[in-house]
Amino acid sequence: MNVGIAYAKPTAQIWRSLTIAEGATVRDVIEASGLLDQFPELDLETNKVGIFGTVARLDKPVKEGDRVEIYRPIHPDAELLEKKKR
């Protein structure tokens, strides 16, 4: 089945399309994508993941057309920094 995977950081935005076996999980998609090798700072025990903007568990099965996303932590002062920009 065809799925996508997305990851963004300040210096790079990645979106890939993958073909993966039926019954694959979020973890399977991430591992098959090669992003863990490309971005060694990614830690699946720390980074949240999701499907189409909804946080999901690593063992959640994916469906045809799903977009798996790896989320970066938000800086603790992000709201304060945003207010200072205004």
PDB file of N, CA and C in Angstrom:
ATOM      1  N   MET A   1       0.840  -1.178   0.000  1.00  0.00           N
ATOM      2  CA  MET A   1       0.000   0.000   0.000  1.00  0.00           C
ATOM      3  C   MET A   1       0.881   1.235   0.000  1.00  0.00           C
ATOM      4  N   ASN A   2       0.344   2.352  -0.437  1.00  0.00           N
ATOM      5  CA  ASN A   2       1.092   3.600  -0.521  1.00  0.00           C
ATOM      6  C   ASN A   2       0.761   4.500   0.669  1.00  0.00           C
ATOM      7  N   VAL A   3       1.823   5.004   1.315  1.00  0.00           N
ATOM      8  CA  VAL A   3       1.687   5.939   2.431  1.00  0.00           C
ATOM      9  C   VAL A   3       2.744   7.026   2.260  1.00  0.00           C
ATOM     10  N   GLY A   4       2.613   8.075   3.037  1.00  0.00           N
ATOM     11  CA  GLY A   4       3.609   9.134   3.033  1.00  0.00           C
ATOM     12  C   GLY A   4       4.191   9.289   4.416  1.00  0.00           C
ATOM     13  N   ILE A   5       5.316   9.972   4.476  1.00  0.00           N
ATOM     14  CA  ILE A   5       5.919  10.300   5.764  1.00  0.00           C
ATOM     15  C   ILE A   5       6.461  11.719   5.674  1.00  0.00           C
ATOM     16  N   ALA A   6       6.286  12.474   6.758  1.00  0.00           N
ATOM     17  CA  ALA A   6       6.722  13.867   6.788  1.00  0.00           C
ATOM     18  C   ALA A   6       7.494  14.150   8.071  1.00  0.00           C
ATOM     19  N   TYR A   7       8.538  14.964   7.903  1.00  0.00           N
ATOM     20  CA  TYR A   7       9.314  15.447   9.046  1.00  0.00           C
ATOM     21  C   TYR A   7       9.850  16.821   8.667  1.00  0.00           C
ATOM     22  N   ALA A   8       9.774  17.755   9.590  1.00  0.00           N
ATOM     23  CA  ALA A   8      10.278  19.097   9.313  1.00  0.00           C
ATOM     24  C   ALA A   8      11.095  19.581  10.497  1.00  0.00           C
ATOM     25  N   LYS A   9      12.179  20.251  10.169  1.00  0.00           N
ATOM     26  CA  LYS A   9      12.970  20.956  11.172  1.00  0.00           C
ATOM     27  C   LYS A   9      13.314  22.296  10.567  1.00  0.00           C
ATOM     28  N   PRO A  10      13.871  23.212  11.306  1.00  0.00           N
ATOM     29  CA  PRO A  10      14.080  24.558  10.756  1.00  0.00           C
ATOM     30  C   PRO A  10      14.857  24.584   9.445  1.00  0.00           C
ATOM     31  N   THR A  11      15.756  23.640   9.245  1.00  0.00           N
ATOM     32  CA  THR A  11      16.605  23.664   8.057  1.00  0.00           C
ATOM     33  C   THR A  11      16.213  22.659   6.978  1.00  0.00           C
ATOM     34  N   ALA A  12      15.205  21.837   7.217  1.00  0.00           N
ATOM     35  CA  ALA A  12      14.826  20.812   6.232  1.00  0.00           C
ATOM     36  C   ALA A  12      13.382  20.404   6.408  1.00  0.00           C
ATOM     37  N   GLN A  13      12.713  20.210   5.292  1.00  0.00           N
ATOM     38  CA  GLN A  13      11.358  19.668   5.300  1.00  0.00           C
ATOM     39  C   GLN A  13      11.382  18.442   4.379  1.00  0.00           C
ATOM     40  N   ILE A  14      10.981  17.317   4.910  1.00  0.00           N
ATOM     41  CA  ILE A  14      11.029  16.066   4.160  1.00  0.00           C
ATOM     42  C   ILE A  14       9.621  15.505   4.027  1.00  0.00           C
ATOM     43  N   TRP A  15       9.264  15.123   2.817  1.00  0.00           N
ATOM     44  CA  TRP A  15       8.030  14.381   2.579  1.00  0.00           C
ATOM     45  C   TRP A  15       8.386  13.294   1.584  1.00  0.00           C
ATOM     46  N   ARG A  16       8.101  12.056   1.949  1.00  0.00           N
ATOM     47  CA  ARG A  16       8.399  10.920   1.081  1.00  0.00           C
ATOM     48  C   ARG A  16       7.164  10.062   0.919  1.00  0.00           C
ATOM     49  N   SER A  17       7.087   9.442  -0.225  1.00  0.00           N
ATOM     50  CA  SER A  17       6.043   8.466  -0.495  1.00  0.00           C
ATOM     51  C   SER A  17       6.691   7.088  -0.433  1.00  0.00           C
ATOM     52  N   LEU A  18       6.015   6.149   0.214  1.00  0.00           N
ATOM     53  CA  LEU A  18       6.548   4.793   0.364  1.00  0.00           C
ATOM     54  C   LEU A  18       5.495   3.766  -0.024  1.00  0.00           C
ATOM     55  N   THR A  19       5.966   2.633  -0.472  1.00  0.00           N
ATOM     56  CA  THR A  19       5.095   1.471  -0.625  1.00  0.00           C
ATOM     57  C   THR A  19       5.476   0.524   0.496  1.00  0.00           C
ATOM     58  N   ILE A  20       4.490   0.112   1.265  1.00  0.00           N
ATOM     59  CA  ILE A  20       4.735  -0.712   2.456  1.00  0.00           C
ATOM     60  C   ILE A  20       3.689  -1.822   2.503  1.00  0.00           C
ATOM     61  N   ALA A  21       4.007  -2.895   3.192  1.00  0.00           N
ATOM     62  CA  ALA A  21       3.113  -4.057   3.258  1.00  0.00           C
ATOM     63  C   ALA A  21       1.848  -3.758   4.052  1.00  0.00           C
ATOM     64  N   GLU A  22       0.763  -4.405   3.665  1.00  0.00           N
ATOM     65  CA  GLU A  22      -0.474  -4.330   4.446  1.00  0.00           C
ATOM     66  C   GLU A  22      -0.165  -4.751   5.879  1.00  0.00           C
ATOM     67  N   GLY A  23      -0.798  -4.109   6.849  1.00  0.00           N
ATOM     68  CA  GLY A  23      -0.580  -4.438   8.256  1.00  0.00           C
ATOM     69  C   GLY A  23       0.590  -3.701   8.876  1.00  0.00           C
ATOM     70  N   ALA A  24       1.285  -2.872   8.090  1.00  0.00           N
ATOM     71  CA  ALA A  24       2.427  -2.111   8.620  1.00  0.00           C
ATOM     72  C   ALA A  24       1.948  -1.109   9.666  1.00  0.00           C
ATOM     73  N   THR A  25       2.843  -0.794  10.574  1.00  0.00           N
ATOM     74  CA  THR A  25       2.546   0.159  11.649  1.00  0.00           C
ATOM     75  C   THR A  25       3.263   1.484  11.390  1.00  0.00           C
ATOM     76  N   VAL A  26       2.940   2.463  12.226  1.00  0.00           N
ATOM     77  CA  VAL A  26       3.616   3.754  12.167  1.00  0.00           C
ATOM     78  C   VAL A  26       5.127   3.544  12.280  1.00  0.00           C
ATOM     79  N   ARG A  27       5.544   2.718  13.219  1.00  0.00           N
ATOM     80  CA  ARG A  27       6.983   2.436  13.392  1.00  0.00           C
ATOM     81  C   ARG A  27       7.576   1.836  12.110  1.00  0.00           C
ATOM     82  N   ASP A  28       6.868   0.888  11.490  1.00  0.00           N
ATOM     83  CA  ASP A  28       7.360   0.267  10.255  1.00  0.00           C
ATOM     84  C   ASP A  28       7.595   1.312   9.163  1.00  0.00           C
ATOM     85  N   VAL A  29       6.661   2.249   9.032  1.00  0.00           N
ATOM     86  CA  VAL A  29       6.792   3.302   8.019  1.00  0.00           C
ATOM     87  C   VAL A  29       8.016   4.165   8.312  1.00  0.00           C
ATOM     88  N   ILE A  30       8.169   4.570   9.560  1.00  0.00           N
ATOM     89  CA  ILE A  30       9.310   5.418   9.929  1.00  0.00           C
ATOM     90  C   ILE A  30      10.620   4.687   9.661  1.00  0.00           C
ATOM     91  N   GLU A  31      10.703   3.444  10.066  1.00  0.00           N
ATOM     92  CA  GLU A  31      11.940   2.685   9.862  1.00  0.00           C
ATOM     93  C   GLU A  31      12.222   2.476   8.374  1.00  0.00           C
ATOM     94  N   ALA A  32      11.205   2.202   7.581  1.00  0.00           N
ATOM     95  CA  ALA A  32      11.389   1.977   6.142  1.00  0.00           C
ATOM     96  C   ALA A  32      11.753   3.258   5.401  1.00  0.00           C
ATOM     97  N   SER A  33      11.408   4.400   5.965  1.00  0.00           N
ATOM     98  CA  SER A  33      11.632   5.682   5.281  1.00  0.00           C
ATOM     99  C   SER A  33      13.098   6.093   5.204  1.00  0.00           C
ATOM    100  N   GLY A  34      13.917   5.587   6.105  1.00  0.00           N
ATOM    101  CA  GLY A  34      15.315   5.996   6.166  1.00  0.00           C
ATOM    102  C   GLY A  34      15.551   7.276   6.949  1.00  0.00           C
ATOM    103  N   LEU A  35      14.495   7.879   7.486  1.00  0.00           N
ATOM    104  CA  LEU A  35      14.658   9.141   8.215  1.00  0.00           C
ATOM    105  C   LEU A  35      15.474   8.989   9.496  1.00  0.00           C
ATOM    106  N   LEU A  36      15.399   7.824  10.128  1.00  0.00           N
ATOM    107  CA  LEU A  36      16.172   7.633  11.362  1.00  0.00           C
ATOM    108  C   LEU A  36      17.667   7.649  11.071  1.00  0.00           C
ATOM    109  N   ASP A  37      18.064   7.181   9.890  1.00  0.00           N
ATOM    110  CA  ASP A  37      19.477   7.238   9.492  1.00  0.00           C
ATOM    111  C   ASP A  37      19.859   8.648   9.054  1.00  0.00           C
ATOM    112  N   GLN A  38      18.956   9.308   8.339  1.00  0.00           N
ATOM    113  CA  GLN A  38      19.231  10.644   7.824  1.00  0.00           C
ATOM    114  C   GLN A  38      19.290  11.691   8.937  1.00  0.00           C
ATOM    115  N   PHE A  39      18.460  11.508   9.955  1.00  0.00           N
ATOM    116  CA  PHE A  39      18.390  12.453  11.070  1.00  0.00           C
ATOM    117  C   PHE A  39      18.616  11.691  12.378  1.00  0.00           C
ATOM    118  N   PRO A  40      19.874  11.440  12.744  1.00  0.00           N
ATOM    119  CA  PRO A  40      20.161  10.633  13.933  1.00  0.00           C
ATOM    120  C   PRO A  40      19.648  11.243  15.236  1.00  0.00           C
ATOM    121  N   GLU A  41      19.308  12.523  15.205  1.00  0.00           N
ATOM    122  CA  GLU A  41      18.758  13.148  16.418  1.00  0.00           C
ATOM    123  C   GLU A  41      17.335  12.686  16.722  1.00  0.00           C
ATOM    124  N   LEU A  42      16.680  12.056  15.745  1.00  0.00           N
ATOM    125  CA  LEU A  42      15.323  11.552  15.985  1.00  0.00           C
ATOM    126  C   LEU A  42      15.376  10.397  16.966  1.00  0.00           C
ATOM    127  N   ASP A  43      14.506  10.456  17.943  1.00  0.00           N
ATOM    128  CA  ASP A  43      14.426   9.419  18.973  1.00  0.00           C
ATOM    129  C   ASP A  43      12.951   9.075  19.141  1.00  0.00           C
ATOM    130  N   LEU A  44      12.574   7.894  18.719  1.00  0.00           N
ATOM    131  CA  LEU A  44      11.164   7.523  18.769  1.00  0.00           C
ATOM    132  C   LEU A  44      10.645   7.341  20.190  1.00  0.00           C
ATOM    133  N   GLU A  45      11.535   7.333  21.151  1.00  0.00           N
ATOM    134  CA  GLU A  45      11.091   7.303  22.542  1.00  0.00           C
ATOM    135  C   GLU A  45      10.788   8.714  23.045  1.00  0.00           C
ATOM    136  N   THR A  46      11.287   9.732  22.340  1.00  0.00           N
ATOM    137  CA  THR A  46      11.101  11.129  22.739  1.00  0.00           C
ATOM    138  C   THR A  46      10.166  11.875  21.801  1.00  0.00           C
ATOM    139  N   ASN A  47      10.426  11.779  20.489  1.00  0.00           N
ATOM    140  CA  ASN A  47       9.610  12.499  19.509  1.00  0.00           C
ATOM    141  C   ASN A  47       8.221  11.888  19.411  1.00  0.00           C
ATOM    142  N   LYS A  48       7.221  12.745  19.421  1.00  0.00           N
ATOM    143  CA  LYS A  48       5.860  12.269  19.189  1.00  0.00           C
ATOM    144  C   LYS A  48       5.688  12.014  17.702  1.00  0.00           C
ATOM    145  N   VAL A  49       4.766  11.121  17.384  1.00  0.00           N
ATOM    146  CA  VAL A  49       4.464  10.805  15.991  1.00  0.00           C
ATOM    147  C   VAL A  49       2.952  10.844  15.818  1.00  0.00           C
ATOM    148  N   GLY A  50       2.515  10.929  14.563  1.00  0.00           N
ATOM    149  CA  GLY A  50       1.079  10.957  14.329  1.00  0.00           C
ATOM    150  C   GLY A  50       0.746  10.628  12.893  1.00  0.00           C
ATOM    151  N   ILE A  51      -0.541  10.673  12.621  1.00  0.00           N
ATOM    152  CA  ILE A  51      -1.080  10.471  11.282  1.00  0.00           C
ATOM    153  C   ILE A  51      -2.006  11.642  11.004  1.00  0.00           C
ATOM    154  N   PHE A  52      -1.707  12.386   9.944  1.00  0.00           N
ATOM    155  CA  PHE A  52      -2.519  13.550   9.555  1.00  0.00           C
ATOM    156  C   PHE A  52      -2.811  14.484  10.728  1.00  0.00           C
ATOM    157  N   GLY A  53      -1.789  14.800  11.541  1.00  0.00           N
ATOM    158  CA  GLY A  53      -1.940  15.787  12.605  1.00  0.00           C
ATOM    159  C   GLY A  53      -2.534  15.272  13.900  1.00  0.00           C
ATOM    160  N   THR A  54      -2.795  13.979  13.973  1.00  0.00           N
ATOM    161  CA  THR A  54      -3.318  13.390  15.201  1.00  0.00           C
ATOM    162  C   THR A  54      -2.258  12.469  15.787  1.00  0.00           C
ATOM    163  N   VAL A  55      -1.875  12.725  17.034  1.00  0.00           N
ATOM    164  CA  VAL A  55      -0.846  11.910  17.679  1.00  0.00           C
ATOM    165  C   VAL A  55      -1.290  10.445  17.668  1.00  0.00           C
ATOM    166  N   ALA A  56      -0.326   9.572  17.345  1.00  0.00           N
ATOM    167  CA  ALA A  56      -0.613   8.134  17.256  1.00  0.00           C
ATOM    168  C   ALA A  56       0.501   7.351  17.950  1.00  0.00           C
ATOM    169  N   ARG A  57       0.177   6.140  18.314  1.00  0.00           N
ATOM    170  CA  ARG A  57       1.169   5.239  18.900  1.00  0.00           C
ATOM    171  C   ARG A  57       2.002   4.614  17.784  1.00  0.00           C
ATOM    172  N   LEU A  58       3.208   4.221  18.109  1.00  0.00           N
ATOM    173  CA  LEU A  58       4.081   3.599  17.118  1.00  0.00           C
ATOM    174  C   LEU A  58       3.526   2.275  16.594  1.00  0.00           C
ATOM    175  N   ASP A  59       2.709   1.599  17.391  1.00  0.00           N
ATOM    176  CA  ASP A  59       2.172   0.305  16.957  1.00  0.00           C
ATOM    177  C   ASP A  59       0.823   0.420  16.234  1.00  0.00           C
ATOM    178  N   LYS A  60       0.382   1.636  15.946  1.00  0.00           N
ATOM    179  CA  LYS A  60      -0.888   1.829  15.235  1.00  0.00           C
ATOM    180  C   LYS A  60      -0.720   1.402  13.776  1.00  0.00           C
ATOM    181  N   PRO A  61      -1.600   0.553  13.284  1.00  0.00           N
ATOM    182  CA  PRO A  61      -1.545   0.180  11.866  1.00  0.00           C
ATOM    183  C   PRO A  61      -1.873   1.382  10.980  1.00  0.00           C
ATOM    184  N   VAL A  62      -1.205   1.465   9.841  1.00  0.00           N
ATOM    185  CA  VAL A  62      -1.480   2.523   8.887  1.00  0.00           C
ATOM    186  C   VAL A  62      -2.392   1.993   7.789  1.00  0.00           C
ATOM    187  N   LYS A  63      -3.061   2.944   7.123  1.00  0.00           N
ATOM    188  CA  LYS A  63      -3.961   2.599   6.028  1.00  0.00           C
ATOM    189  C   LYS A  63      -3.454   3.240   4.744  1.00  0.00           C
ATOM    190  N   GLU A  64      -3.932   2.734   3.638  1.00  0.00           N
ATOM    191  CA  GLU A  64      -3.615   3.291   2.327  1.00  0.00           C
ATOM    192  C   GLU A  64      -3.815   4.809   2.348  1.00  0.00           C
ATOM    193  N   GLY A  65      -2.808   5.536   1.892  1.00  0.00           N
ATOM    194  CA  GLY A  65      -2.918   6.990   1.787  1.00  0.00           C
ATOM    195  C   GLY A  65      -2.592   7.767   3.043  1.00  0.00           C
ATOM    196  N   ASP A  66      -2.348   7.088   4.174  1.00  0.00           N
ATOM    197  CA  ASP A  66      -2.008   7.805   5.414  1.00  0.00           C
ATOM    198  C   ASP A  66      -0.704   8.580   5.248  1.00  0.00           C
ATOM    199  N   ARG A  67      -0.579   9.687   5.997  1.00  0.00           N
ATOM    200  CA  ARG A  67       0.669  10.443   6.080  1.00  0.00           C
ATOM    201  C   ARG A  67       1.151  10.360   7.526  1.00  0.00           C
ATOM    202  N   VAL A  68       2.222   9.627   7.740  1.00  0.00           N
ATOM    203  CA  VAL A  68       2.842   9.519   9.055  1.00  0.00           C
ATOM    204  C   VAL A  68       3.706  10.757   9.256  1.00  0.00           C
ATOM    205  N   GLU A  69       3.647  11.318  10.451  1.00  0.00           N
ATOM    206  CA  GLU A  69       4.398  12.539  10.759  1.00  0.00           C
ATOM    207  C   GLU A  69       5.235  12.331  12.012  1.00  0.00           C
ATOM    208  N   ILE A  70       6.430  12.870  11.988  1.00  0.00           N
ATOM    209  CA  ILE A  70       7.299  12.873  13.169  1.00  0.00           C
ATOM    210  C   ILE A  70       7.367  14.318  13.641  1.00  0.00           C
ATOM    211  N   TYR A  71       7.022  14.546  14.902  1.00  0.00           N
ATOM    212  CA  TYR A  71       6.944  15.896  15.430  1.00  0.00           C
ATOM    213  C   TYR A  71       8.191  16.253  16.220  1.00  0.00           C
ATOM    214  N   ARG A  72       8.615  17.512  16.083  1.00  0.00           N
ATOM    215  CA  ARG A  72       9.718  18.041  16.882  1.00  0.00           C
ATOM    216  C   ARG A  72       9.152  18.547  18.197  1.00  0.00           C
ATOM    217  N   PRO A  73       9.962  18.524  19.244  1.00  0.00           N
ATOM    218  CA  PRO A  73       9.509  19.154  20.484  1.00  0.00           C
ATOM    219  C   PRO A  73       9.371  20.662  20.277  1.00  0.00           C
ATOM    220  N   ILE A  74       8.424  21.248  20.930  1.00  0.00           N
ATOM    221  CA  ILE A  74       8.255  22.698  20.867  1.00  0.00           C
ATOM    222  C   ILE A  74       9.119  23.306  21.963  1.00  0.00           C
ATOM    223  N   HIS A  75       9.836  24.349  21.594  1.00  0.00           N
ATOM    224  CA  HIS A  75      10.696  25.030  22.556  1.00  0.00           C
ATOM    225  C   HIS A  75       9.824  25.551  23.695  1.00  0.00           C
ATOM    226  N   PRO A  76      10.256  25.388  24.948  1.00  0.00           N
ATOM    227  CA  PRO A  76       9.425  25.800  26.083  1.00  0.00           C
ATOM    228  C   PRO A  76       9.047  27.282  26.076  1.00  0.00           C
ATOM    229  N   ASP A  77       9.842  28.107  25.430  1.00  0.00           N
ATOM    230  CA  ASP A  77       9.557  29.536  25.384  1.00  0.00           C
ATOM    231  C   ASP A  77       8.939  29.961  24.058  1.00  0.00           C
ATOM    232  N   ALA A  78       8.433  29.014  23.267  1.00  0.00           N
ATOM    233  CA  ALA A  78       7.905  29.325  21.930  1.00  0.00           C
ATOM    234  C   ALA A  78       6.786  30.373  21.989  1.00  0.00           C
ATOM    235  N   GLU A  79       5.866  30.246  22.931  1.00  0.00           N
ATOM    236  CA  GLU A  79       4.764  31.197  23.018  1.00  0.00           C
ATOM    237  C   GLU A  79       5.286  32.585  23.377  1.00  0.00           C
ATOM    238  N   LEU A  80       6.197  32.654  24.305  1.00  0.00           N
ATOM    239  CA  LEU A  80       6.792  33.926  24.706  1.00  0.00           C
ATOM    240  C   LEU A  80       7.540  34.564  23.529  1.00  0.00           C
ATOM    241  N   LEU A  81       8.318  33.772  22.799  1.00  0.00           N
ATOM    242  CA  LEU A  81       9.051  34.285  21.646  1.00  0.00           C
ATOM    243  C   LEU A  81       8.100  34.796  20.572  1.00  0.00           C
ATOM    244  N   GLU A  82       7.000  34.104  20.347  1.00  0.00           N
ATOM    245  CA  GLU A  82       6.020  34.530  19.350  1.00  0.00           C
ATOM    246  C   GLU A  82       5.389  35.864  19.751  1.00  0.00           C
ATOM    247  N   LYS A  83       5.075  36.030  21.029  1.00  0.00           N
ATOM    248  CA  LYS A  83       4.479  37.285  21.500  1.00  0.00           C
ATOM    249  C   LYS A  83       5.444  38.449  21.330  1.00  0.00           C
ATOM    250  N   LYS A  84       6.737  38.200  21.507  1.00  0.00           N
ATOM    251  CA  LYS A  84       7.727  39.269  21.353  1.00  0.00           C
ATOM    252  C   LYS A  84       7.817  39.727  19.888  1.00  0.00           C
ATOM    253  N   LYS A  85       7.528  38.839  18.941  1.00  0.00           N
ATOM    254  CA  LYS A  85       7.569  39.193  17.518  1.00  0.00           C
ATOM    255  C   LYS A  85       6.453  40.157  17.142  1.00  0.00           C
ATOM    256  N   ARG A  86       5.363  40.125  17.879  1.00  0.00           N
ATOM    257  CA  ARG A  86       4.176  40.925  17.530  1.00  0.00           C
ATOM    258  C   ARG A  86       4.364  42.348  17.878  1.00  0.00           C
TER     259      ARG A  86
END
